[in-house]
Protein backbone atom coordinates (compact mmCIF):
# COMPACT_ATOMS: atom_id res chain seq x y z
CA MET A 1 0.03 -0.03 -0.02
CA ASP A 2 1.07 3.58 -0.60
CA LEU A 3 2.71 4.85 2.56
CA GLN A 4 1.97 8.52 1.75
CA LYS A 5 -1.75 7.63 1.28
CA GLU A 6 -1.76 5.87 4.69
CA ASN A 7 -0.11 8.93 6.31
CA ARG A 8 -2.58 11.36 4.80
CA ALA A 9 -5.47 9.15 5.96
CA TRP A 10 -3.93 8.88 9.43
CA ASN A 11 -3.73 12.69 9.58
CA LYS A 12 -7.27 12.98 8.49
CA LEU A 13 -8.37 10.52 11.11
CA GLU A 14 -6.48 12.45 13.76
CA ASN A 15 -8.45 15.64 12.88
CA LEU A 16 -11.81 14.16 11.78
CA ARG A 17 -14.69 15.64 13.77
CA MET A 18 -18.47 15.06 13.69
CA LYS A 19 -20.68 17.96 12.76
CA PHE A 20 -24.07 17.90 14.51
CA PRO A 21 -26.34 16.23 13.56
CA GLU A 22 -24.48 14.63 10.67
CA ILE A 23 -23.64 11.32 12.45
CA ASN A 24 -24.16 9.20 9.33
CA GLU A 25 -21.75 11.32 7.24
CA TYR A 26 -19.23 11.11 10.09
CA ILE A 27 -19.49 7.36 10.27
CA ALA A 28 -19.10 6.91 6.43
CA THR A 29 -16.17 9.28 6.31
CA PHE A 30 -14.50 7.57 9.29
CA LYS A 31 -14.96 4.09 7.91
CA ASP A 32 -13.44 5.07 4.47
CA THR A 33 -10.55 6.99 6.06
CA SER A 34 -9.65 4.31 8.59
CA CYS A 35 -9.58 1.75 5.84
CA ASP A 36 -7.26 4.07 3.79
CA ALA A 37 -5.01 4.40 6.87
CA GLY A 38 -4.65 0.62 7.11
CA TYR A 39 -6.81 0.12 10.19
CA THR A 40 -9.46 -2.52 10.68
CA ILE A 41 -12.71 -1.49 12.32
CA THR A 42 -11.94 -3.69 15.36
CA ASN A 43 -8.53 -2.21 16.00
CA PRO A 44 -8.53 -0.55 19.53
CA GLU A 45 -6.61 2.50 18.32
CA ASN A 46 -9.16 2.90 15.47
CA MET A 47 -12.07 2.77 18.03
CA GLN A 48 -10.26 5.52 19.97
CA PHE A 49 -10.10 7.68 16.81
CA PHE A 50 -13.90 7.19 16.36
CA LEU A 51 -14.67 8.25 19.94
CA LYS A 52 -12.26 11.20 19.62
CA GLY A 53 -14.11 12.56 16.67
CA LEU A 54 -17.52 12.63 18.32
CA LEU A 55 -19.00 15.88 19.65
CA ARG A 56 -18.56 16.20 23.39
CA GLY A 57 -22.20 15.72 24.25
CA VAL A 58 -22.50 12.69 22.01
CA LEU A 59 -19.27 11.24 23.42
CA ALA A 60 -20.60 11.70 27.01
CA ASP A 61 -23.81 9.90 26.21
CA VAL A 62 -21.96 7.09 24.37
CA LEU A 63 -19.72 6.52 27.36
CA CYS A 64 -22.65 6.23 29.87
CA ALA A 65 -23.28 2.74 31.15
CA PRO A 66 -23.45 0.29 29.58
CA ILE A 67 -20.23 1.28 27.86
CA PRO A 68 -20.06 -0.17 24.31
CA GLN A 69 -17.28 -2.71 23.90
CA THR A 70 -17.22 -3.11 20.11
CA TYR A 71 -17.10 -0.70 17.13
CA GLN A 72 -20.61 -1.75 16.03
CA GLU A 73 -21.97 -1.07 19.57
CA MET A 74 -20.24 2.35 19.65
CA LYS A 75 -21.58 3.27 16.25
CA THR A 76 -25.12 2.24 17.09
CA LYS A 77 -25.09 4.11 20.38
CA ALA A 78 -23.59 7.23 18.74
CA ILE A 79 -26.50 7.22 16.20
CA GLU A 80 -29.02 6.74 19.00
CA CYS A 81 -27.54 9.49 21.16
CA THR A 82 -27.26 11.95 18.22
CA ASN A 83 -30.92 11.28 17.33
CA ALA A 84 -32.01 11.86 20.96
CA GLN A 85 -29.98 15.08 21.12
CA GLN A 86 -31.56 16.31 17.87
CA MET A 87 -35.00 15.55 19.23
CA MET A 88 -34.20 17.47 22.42
CA SER A 89 -32.97 20.34 20.44
CA ASN A 90 -36.21 20.40 18.40
CA ILE A 91 -38.25 20.28 21.56
CA MET A 92 -36.30 23.07 23.16
CA SER A 93 -36.54 25.16 20.00
CA SER A 94 -40.35 24.79 19.98
CA LEU A 95 -40.47 25.97 23.59
CA THR A 96 -38.59 29.20 22.73
CA GLY A 97 -40.65 30.14 19.77
CA GLY A 98 -38.77 28.23 17.13
CA LYS A 99 -40.35 25.84 14.68
CA PRO A 100 -43.04 23.60 16.02
CA PHE A 101 -41.98 20.32 17.57
CA ARG A 102 -42.78 17.33 15.24
CA PRO A 103 -40.78 14.32 16.39
CA PHE A 104 -41.81 11.91 13.62
CA GLN A 105 -42.70 13.25 10.25
CA PRO A 106 -43.40 10.35 7.88
CA ALA A 107 -42.96 10.98 4.19
CA ARG A 108 -46.12 11.87 2.49
CA GLN A 109 -47.58 9.02 0.49
CA PRO A 110 -49.28 10.00 -2.83
CA THR A 111 -53.00 9.48 -2.47
CA GLY A 112 -53.83 9.51 -6.16
CA GLN A 113 -56.24 12.32 -5.43
CA GLY A 114 -54.05 15.23 -6.53
CA SER A 115 -54.77 18.30 -4.40
CA GLN A 116 -58.27 17.02 -3.59
CA GLY A 117 -57.13 14.78 -0.75
CA GLY A 118 -57.10 16.34 2.67
CA TRP A 119 -56.33 15.12 6.12
CA ARG A 120 -58.61 12.27 7.05
CA GLY A 121 -60.43 12.47 3.69
CA GLN A 122 -61.50 16.09 4.14
CA GLN A 123 -61.65 18.40 1.18
CA GLN A 124 -59.19 21.25 1.15
């Protein structure tokens, strides 16, 4: 493998930081970069890089008991914690006059009625 490529990837890992609430982008970039640096996902040093790049609040939540022992457990808990923090942020925003709190907004399904279909079959 190209040693310069590994070194660039290692430097990128060293400085990689999550941007809230973009946990999925962080995970994807982390995985690609750690592979380029020659690490396996299960490597303990690699797992330390993953934790180091999380936002402080997400990291604190991830490290609450039970503490994840594997990369998969860390990744799953980081996603869950980020989602919870995003929901809290939405709730707090709605309390301070921001946008209304809507925790779960399913994608609208086409009704085949054009603009005639309203909520619970009501006409608009």
